[in-house]
Protein backbone atom coordinates (compact mmCIF):
# COMPACT_ATOMS: atom_id res chain seq x y z
CA MET A 1 51.46 -13.00 -31.48
CA LYS A 2 49.16 -12.21 -34.39
CA ASN A 3 46.39 -14.77 -34.89
CA ASP A 4 47.43 -15.44 -38.53
CA ARG A 5 51.02 -16.76 -37.69
CA LEU A 6 50.14 -20.47 -37.63
CA LYS A 7 50.72 -21.63 -41.13
CA ILE A 8 52.11 -25.23 -41.41
CA GLY A 9 51.78 -27.41 -38.37
CA VAL A 10 51.56 -31.02 -37.18
CA ASN A 11 49.75 -32.56 -34.24
CA LEU A 12 51.50 -34.50 -31.50
CA GLY A 13 48.60 -36.89 -30.86
CA GLY A 14 49.24 -39.97 -28.71
CA TRP A 15 51.69 -38.30 -26.28
CA LEU A 16 49.84 -36.47 -23.68
CA SER A 17 46.35 -37.31 -25.07
CA GLN A 18 44.83 -40.60 -26.32
CA TYR A 19 47.82 -42.36 -24.80
CA LYS A 20 47.83 -46.20 -24.75
CA VAL A 21 49.14 -46.20 -21.20
CA PHE A 22 49.18 -43.56 -18.50
CA ASN A 23 52.69 -43.66 -17.14
CA HIS A 24 55.69 -41.44 -17.01
CA ARG A 25 57.91 -43.72 -19.10
CA HIS A 26 55.48 -43.23 -22.00
CA PHE A 27 55.29 -39.38 -21.46
CA GLN A 28 59.13 -39.23 -21.30
CA THR A 29 59.83 -41.20 -24.44
CA PHE A 30 56.92 -40.94 -26.94
CA ILE A 31 58.03 -37.41 -28.00
CA THR A 32 61.42 -36.09 -27.25
CA LYS A 33 63.44 -33.04 -28.26
CA ASP A 34 64.79 -34.94 -31.21
CA ASP A 35 61.21 -35.21 -32.61
CA ILE A 36 60.64 -31.51 -32.21
CA SER A 37 63.99 -30.76 -33.99
CA ARG A 38 63.08 -33.03 -36.81
CA ILE A 39 59.58 -31.39 -37.23
CA ALA A 40 61.32 -28.01 -37.44
CA ASP A 41 63.88 -29.35 -39.90
CA TRP A 42 61.00 -30.73 -42.10
CA GLY A 43 59.70 -27.14 -42.48
CA PHE A 44 56.78 -27.04 -40.02
CA ASP A 45 56.37 -23.75 -38.12
CA HIS A 46 54.26 -25.03 -35.21
CA VAL A 47 52.95 -28.07 -33.35
CA ARG A 48 49.58 -28.62 -31.79
CA LEU A 49 49.85 -30.51 -28.58
CA PRO A 50 46.65 -32.36 -27.45
CA VAL A 51 46.60 -32.72 -23.65
CA ASP A 52 44.15 -34.87 -21.66
CA TYR A 53 43.25 -33.32 -18.30
CA PRO A 54 44.28 -36.28 -16.13
CA VAL A 55 47.97 -35.40 -17.02
CA LEU A 56 47.42 -32.11 -15.28
CA GLU A 57 44.74 -32.87 -12.65
CA ASP A 58 43.80 -35.99 -10.65
CA ASP A 59 40.05 -36.72 -10.44
CA ALA A 60 40.60 -37.74 -6.80
CA ASN A 61 41.79 -34.19 -5.99
CA PRO A 62 40.09 -31.76 -8.29
CA GLY A 63 41.79 -28.36 -8.42
CA VAL A 64 45.13 -29.81 -7.22
CA TYR A 65 47.32 -29.52 -10.26
CA LEU A 66 50.12 -31.99 -11.07
CA GLU A 67 53.49 -30.28 -11.40
CA SER A 68 54.79 -33.46 -13.11
CA GLY A 69 52.16 -32.91 -15.86
CA PHE A 70 52.87 -29.32 -16.31
CA ALA A 71 56.58 -30.13 -16.60
CA TYR A 72 55.84 -31.93 -19.89
CA LEU A 73 54.27 -28.80 -21.25
CA ASP A 74 57.23 -26.84 -20.13
CA HIS A 75 59.60 -29.24 -21.76
CA CYS A 76 57.74 -29.06 -25.06
CA LEU A 77 57.60 -25.33 -24.94
CA THR A 78 61.36 -25.19 -24.30
CA TRP A 79 62.09 -27.46 -27.18
CA CYS A 80 59.85 -25.45 -29.50
CA GLN A 81 61.61 -22.23 -28.36
CA GLU A 82 65.00 -23.73 -29.17
CA THR A 83 63.92 -24.79 -32.66
CA GLY A 84 61.85 -21.83 -33.58
CA LEU A 85 58.37 -23.52 -33.47
CA ARG A 86 55.17 -22.07 -32.06
CA LEU A 87 53.12 -24.32 -29.85
CA ILE A 88 49.36 -24.83 -29.28
CA PHE A 89 48.21 -26.28 -25.96
CA ASP A 90 44.93 -28.02 -26.84
CA ILE A 91 42.74 -29.43 -24.07
CA HIS A 92 41.67 -32.65 -25.87
CA ASN A 93 39.83 -34.28 -22.96
CA ALA A 94 38.29 -32.13 -20.19
CA PRO A 95 36.67 -32.91 -16.93
CA GLY A 96 33.26 -34.19 -17.89
CA TYR A 97 33.91 -34.26 -21.62
CA SER A 98 35.76 -36.50 -24.07
CA PHE A 99 35.09 -36.48 -27.79
CA THR A 100 35.96 -40.21 -27.95
CA LYS A 101 32.87 -41.07 -25.80
CA THR A 102 30.62 -39.56 -28.44
CA LEU A 103 31.88 -42.24 -30.87
CA GLU A 104 30.44 -44.99 -28.60
CA ALA A 105 26.68 -45.14 -28.31
CA ASP A 106 26.72 -46.37 -24.73
CA LYS A 107 29.13 -43.80 -23.47
CA GLY A 108 27.82 -40.44 -24.77
CA GLU A 109 25.80 -39.84 -21.59
CA ALA A 110 29.04 -39.76 -19.63
CA ASN A 111 29.78 -36.32 -21.13
CA THR A 112 28.15 -34.09 -18.48
CA LEU A 113 30.35 -30.96 -18.78
CA PHE A 114 27.63 -28.93 -20.36
CA THR A 115 24.98 -29.81 -17.90
CA ASN A 116 27.01 -29.66 -14.75
CA PRO A 117 27.95 -26.18 -13.39
CA SER A 118 30.61 -27.59 -11.03
CA LEU A 119 32.42 -29.32 -13.96
CA GLN A 120 32.14 -26.06 -15.99
CA GLN A 121 33.80 -24.19 -13.14
CA ARG A 122 36.50 -26.95 -13.01
CA PHE A 123 37.10 -26.50 -16.60
CA ILE A 124 37.47 -22.71 -16.22
CA ASN A 125 39.79 -23.28 -13.19
CA LEU A 126 42.04 -25.48 -15.31
CA TRP A 127 42.41 -22.71 -17.85
CA ASP A 128 42.99 -20.29 -14.98
CA SER A 129 45.90 -22.40 -13.89
CA LEU A 130 47.36 -22.59 -17.36
CA SER A 131 46.89 -18.80 -17.88
CA ARG A 132 48.58 -17.84 -14.65
CA ARG A 133 51.51 -20.21 -15.33
CA TYR A 134 52.31 -18.54 -18.62
CA ALA A 135 50.79 -15.04 -18.35
CA GLY A 136 52.95 -12.41 -20.03
CA GLN A 137 55.36 -15.04 -21.31
CA PHE A 138 55.86 -16.53 -24.82
CA GLU A 139 53.33 -14.28 -26.31
CA ASP A 140 54.71 -14.85 -29.76
CA ALA A 141 55.14 -18.63 -29.32
CA LEU A 142 52.33 -20.14 -27.17
CA VAL A 143 48.62 -20.45 -28.08
CA PHE A 144 45.72 -21.89 -26.05
CA GLU A 145 42.94 -23.98 -27.66
CA LEU A 146 39.95 -24.28 -25.32
CA LEU A 147 38.56 -27.71 -26.13
CA ASN A 148 38.74 -30.31 -28.86
CA GLU A 149 35.76 -31.45 -30.96
CA VAL A 150 32.64 -30.67 -29.01
CA VAL A 151 29.50 -32.70 -29.98
CA LEU A 152 26.13 -31.51 -28.84
CA SER A 153 22.63 -31.42 -30.28
CA ASP A 154 22.74 -27.60 -30.03
CA GLY A 155 26.05 -25.69 -29.88
CA ALA A 156 24.72 -22.90 -27.68
CA PRO A 157 25.94 -24.33 -24.35
CA TRP A 158 29.42 -24.66 -25.77
CA ASN A 159 29.30 -21.02 -27.05
CA ARG A 160 28.34 -19.83 -23.55
CA LEU A 161 31.11 -21.84 -21.77
CA ALA A 162 33.67 -20.87 -24.32
CA GLN A 163 32.94 -17.16 -23.86
CA GLN A 164 32.98 -17.48 -20.07
CA THR A 165 36.47 -19.17 -20.29
CA ILE A 166 37.72 -16.60 -22.79
CA ASP A 167 36.59 -13.79 -20.48
CA HIS A 168 38.43 -15.38 -17.54
CA ILE A 169 41.57 -15.90 -19.45
CA ARG A 170 41.55 -12.25 -20.65
CA GLY A 171 41.44 -11.09 -17.03
CA ILE A 172 44.82 -12.84 -16.59
CA ASP A 173 46.43 -12.95 -20.01
CA PRO A 174 44.88 -10.29 -22.33
CA ARG A 175 47.13 -10.82 -25.37
CA ARG A 176 47.25 -14.63 -25.61
CA VAL A 177 45.90 -16.00 -28.93
CA ILE A 178 43.08 -18.38 -28.06
CA ILE A 179 41.66 -20.90 -30.50
CA VAL A 180 37.86 -21.75 -30.55
CA GLY A 181 36.12 -24.42 -32.61
CA GLY A 182 32.54 -25.18 -33.36
CA ASN A 183 30.18 -27.98 -32.72
CA ASN A 184 29.98 -31.47 -34.27
CA TYR A 185 33.64 -32.40 -34.03
CA ASN A 186 34.72 -28.90 -35.23
CA ALA A 187 32.85 -29.49 -38.45
CA VAL A 188 33.48 -26.99 -41.22
CA ASN A 189 29.80 -26.42 -41.69
CA GLU A 190 29.56 -25.37 -37.98
CA LEU A 191 31.67 -22.29 -38.41
CA SER A 192 28.68 -20.18 -39.10
CA ASN A 193 27.30 -21.17 -35.62
CA ILE A 194 30.33 -20.14 -33.61
CA GLN A 195 29.66 -17.07 -31.46
CA LEU A 196 32.14 -14.49 -32.94
CA THR A 197 33.42 -11.77 -30.64
CA PRO A 198 35.50 -8.61 -31.55
CA ASP A 199 38.69 -9.90 -30.04
CA PRO A 200 41.71 -9.55 -32.26
CA ASN A 201 43.47 -12.35 -30.51
CA LEU A 202 40.96 -15.11 -31.14
CA LEU A 203 41.45 -17.67 -33.89
CA TYR A 204 38.56 -19.90 -35.17
CA THR A 205 39.19 -23.49 -36.10
CA PHE A 206 37.67 -26.42 -37.88
CA HIS A 207 38.72 -30.04 -38.61
CA PHE A 208 38.49 -31.68 -42.00
CA TYR A 209 38.16 -35.45 -42.66
CA GLU A 210 35.97 -35.51 -45.78
CA PRO A 211 34.79 -37.42 -47.45
CA LEU A 212 34.91 -40.22 -44.69
CA VAL A 213 34.87 -42.92 -47.13
CA VAL A 214 38.42 -41.76 -48.11
CA THR A 215 39.87 -40.51 -44.91
CA HIS A 216 38.46 -43.19 -42.59
CA GLN A 217 38.25 -46.20 -44.89
CA LYS A 218 38.16 -49.47 -43.01
CA ALA A 219 38.35 -47.56 -39.70
CA PRO A 220 37.43 -50.07 -37.03
CA TRP A 221 35.90 -47.48 -34.74
CA ILE A 222 33.24 -46.47 -37.44
CA VAL A 223 30.90 -49.42 -37.80
CA GLU A 224 29.74 -48.56 -41.38
CA MET A 225 33.32 -48.05 -42.65
CA ASP A 226 34.44 -51.26 -40.95
CA GLN A 227 31.57 -53.25 -42.53
CA TYR A 228 31.91 -51.56 -45.96
CA ASP A 229 35.56 -52.72 -45.89
CA GLN A 230 36.44 -51.45 -49.27
CA THR A 231 39.60 -49.73 -50.54
CA THR A 232 38.69 -46.25 -51.87
CA ASP A 233 41.17 -44.53 -54.02
CA TYR A 234 41.60 -40.79 -54.31
CA PRO A 235 40.98 -39.52 -56.82
CA GLY A 236 38.45 -42.24 -57.53
CA GLU A 237 34.96 -43.49 -56.63
CA ALA A 238 33.45 -45.38 -53.73
CA SER A 239 32.08 -48.44 -55.53
CA GLY A 240 28.76 -49.61 -54.17
CA LEU A 241 28.72 -47.14 -51.25
CA ALA A 242 25.29 -45.82 -51.94
CA GLU A 243 23.62 -49.19 -52.00
CA PHE A 244 25.55 -50.38 -48.99
CA ILE A 245 24.71 -47.31 -46.83
CA GLN A 246 21.05 -47.12 -47.94
CA THR A 247 20.62 -50.90 -47.29
CA ARG A 248 22.67 -51.56 -44.20
CA HIS A 249 22.90 -48.06 -42.55
CA PRO A 250 20.10 -45.87 -43.88
CA ASP A 251 20.28 -43.67 -40.81
CA GLN A 252 23.82 -42.70 -41.93
CA THR A 253 22.87 -41.64 -45.44
CA SER A 254 23.33 -37.87 -44.77
CA ARG A 255 26.81 -38.59 -43.57
CA TYR A 256 27.90 -40.31 -46.83
CA GLU A 257 25.61 -39.17 -49.63
CA VAL A 258 28.10 -36.58 -50.82
CA SER A 259 30.21 -39.54 -51.93
CA PHE A 260 27.43 -41.49 -53.72
CA ASN A 261 27.97 -42.13 -57.38
CA ARG A 262 30.38 -39.32 -58.13
CA ARG A 263 34.11 -38.63 -58.62
CA LEU A 264 35.98 -38.15 -55.41
CA ASP A 265 38.46 -35.43 -56.42
CA ARG A 266 39.67 -31.90 -55.86
CA GLN A 267 36.34 -30.36 -56.93
CA LEU A 268 34.54 -32.28 -54.27
CA LEU A 269 36.99 -31.07 -51.64
CA VAL A 270 36.42 -27.47 -52.74
CA GLU A 271 32.67 -27.94 -52.43
CA LEU A 272 33.08 -29.47 -48.98
CA LEU A 273 35.38 -26.73 -47.77
CA GLU A 274 33.08 -23.99 -49.06
CA PRO A 275 31.89 -23.09 -45.55
CA ALA A 276 35.51 -22.28 -44.60
CA ILE A 277 36.16 -20.41 -47.81
CA TRP A 278 33.00 -18.37 -47.27
CA PHE A 279 33.89 -17.59 -43.68
CA LYS A 280 37.39 -16.56 -44.66
CA GLN A 281 36.19 -14.28 -47.48
CA HIS A 282 33.33 -12.59 -45.65
CA SER A 283 34.53 -12.33 -42.06
CA ASP A 284 38.06 -11.05 -42.76
CA ILE A 285 39.09 -13.16 -39.65
CA PRO A 286 42.01 -15.62 -39.80
CA LEU A 287 40.95 -19.27 -39.89
CA TYR A 288 42.75 -22.41 -38.96
CA CYS A 289 42.32 -26.12 -39.79
CA GLY A 290 43.49 -27.87 -36.68
CA GLU A 291 43.28 -31.39 -37.99
CA PHE A 292 43.14 -33.28 -41.28
CA GLY A 293 44.55 -36.44 -42.70
CA VAL A 294 43.96 -39.96 -44.20
CA ILE A 295 44.07 -43.16 -42.31
CA ASP A 296 46.97 -45.53 -42.81
CA ARG A 297 44.66 -48.28 -44.04
CA ALA A 298 44.24 -46.34 -47.27
CA PRO A 299 46.69 -46.68 -50.12
CA MET A 300 49.71 -44.41 -49.85
CA PRO A 301 48.96 -42.66 -53.16
CA THR A 302 45.58 -41.86 -51.81
CA ARG A 303 47.02 -40.39 -48.66
CA ILE A 304 49.43 -38.37 -50.60
CA ASN A 305 46.94 -37.14 -53.27
CA TRP A 306 44.22 -36.18 -50.79
CA THR A 307 46.65 -34.39 -48.49
CA ARG A 308 48.16 -32.42 -51.41
CA ASP A 309 44.82 -31.33 -52.69
CA VAL A 310 43.61 -30.25 -49.18
CA ILE A 311 46.80 -28.28 -48.45
CA ASP A 312 46.61 -26.65 -51.92
CA ILE A 313 43.08 -25.42 -51.26
CA LEU A 314 43.92 -24.30 -47.68
CA ASN A 315 46.98 -22.41 -49.04
CA GLU A 316 44.87 -20.77 -51.84
CA TYR A 317 42.59 -19.19 -49.18
CA GLU A 318 45.33 -18.48 -46.74
CA ILE A 319 44.01 -20.88 -44.03
CA GLY A 320 46.65 -22.20 -41.66
CA TYR A 321 46.66 -25.85 -40.71
CA ALA A 322 48.07 -28.74 -38.66
CA TYR A 323 48.30 -32.28 -40.10
CA TRP A 324 47.02 -35.16 -37.97
CA SER A 325 49.31 -36.64 -36.78
CA TYR A 326 53.09 -36.80 -36.36
CA LYS A 327 53.51 -40.26 -34.80
CA GLN A 328 51.33 -43.37 -35.10
CA MET A 329 47.62 -42.67 -34.26
CA ASP A 330 46.48 -44.37 -37.49
CA PHE A 331 47.40 -41.27 -39.45
CA GLY A 332 51.08 -40.82 -38.56
CA LEU A 333 53.89 -39.47 -40.60
CA VAL A 334 56.23 -41.70 -38.60
CA ASP A 335 55.82 -45.13 -37.11
CA GLU A 336 56.40 -46.32 -33.49
CA ASN A 337 60.15 -46.31 -34.00
CA GLY A 338 60.20 -42.82 -35.46
CA ALA A 339 60.79 -43.84 -39.06
CA ALA A 340 59.00 -41.84 -41.72
CA VAL A 341 56.22 -43.96 -43.28
CA ASN A 342 56.76 -42.26 -46.66
CA GLU A 343 59.07 -39.35 -47.54
CA GLU A 344 56.76 -37.95 -50.14
CA LEU A 345 53.96 -37.76 -47.64
CA VAL A 346 56.22 -35.92 -45.26
CA ARG A 347 57.14 -33.42 -47.96
CA VAL A 348 53.48 -32.83 -48.81
CA ALA A 349 52.31 -32.44 -45.19
CA SER A 350 55.17 -30.05 -44.44
CA GLY A 351 54.33 -27.85 -47.38
CA ARG A 352 57.32 -28.93 -49.51
CA GLY A 353 55.49 -31.21 -51.90
């Protein structure tokens, strides 16, 4: 598969990653073939499937892989084949690393992947198992994404591990498209720090949730947004944000100052996406936005307007994308019962609005 074939996608968060409960009833019912068929009918051309490693490997027996877990991947791949969708396998939570731990000040030290050689080898071995299982198959349908949202003070250790993993996969599966993201939660401004290699089957990715005062307004897992507790319209302004952050959370000023005392609109999004636009224009390498969306605590017009503007900009610069997320997960297109939360939002996210 060419690395520019992923155009309009949606994430399957909450199924095999960030699940509320780890049990097979959940895995068998949260996403089914009917969901995949509906996603295809809506006009999406691919899905991104986040997978947490415990689905595939038990910590009590490292290196002993769980056929029951791999079966879920196989089922999803079969459903995608039957409906004409492409599929990304994304390791969302790896041995020794979880992006969610970086969101909690007292748990960040639990991420030891980048300082522990044995865990790094275990990470490579996991990709070895995936590569051997699908080597030479589904080359136009299946994509590998190495690891979700790395957060380090310096991205160099991730660049090294990513390249080692790519080299290992290439020895088994030379033509598989592999997705690699940058540091700081796949931040758009980290694209320039990714180690680029002359491999025509690599695809570089970023995530986009800016400005946070729009996309994560009232998010309980972000202390300052929970305390600010204001509805922020898009387009619109973040009333009182500058004073609140500078008084209550001055250490977070750099994170929010782009939204201080200015109109939050399409022009701002263009400015914030400039690193991706520059990368696309100057590298002549396909680029992919693997996650973007607005929290369900925002007014529906804000969710629709922001999503429409982001997709319009990504399309203008021929950057493929996957909306976060299909079901629930605070950003979902459908609720826990599978009912669409808003038909216009679905049309916009699937490129029809």
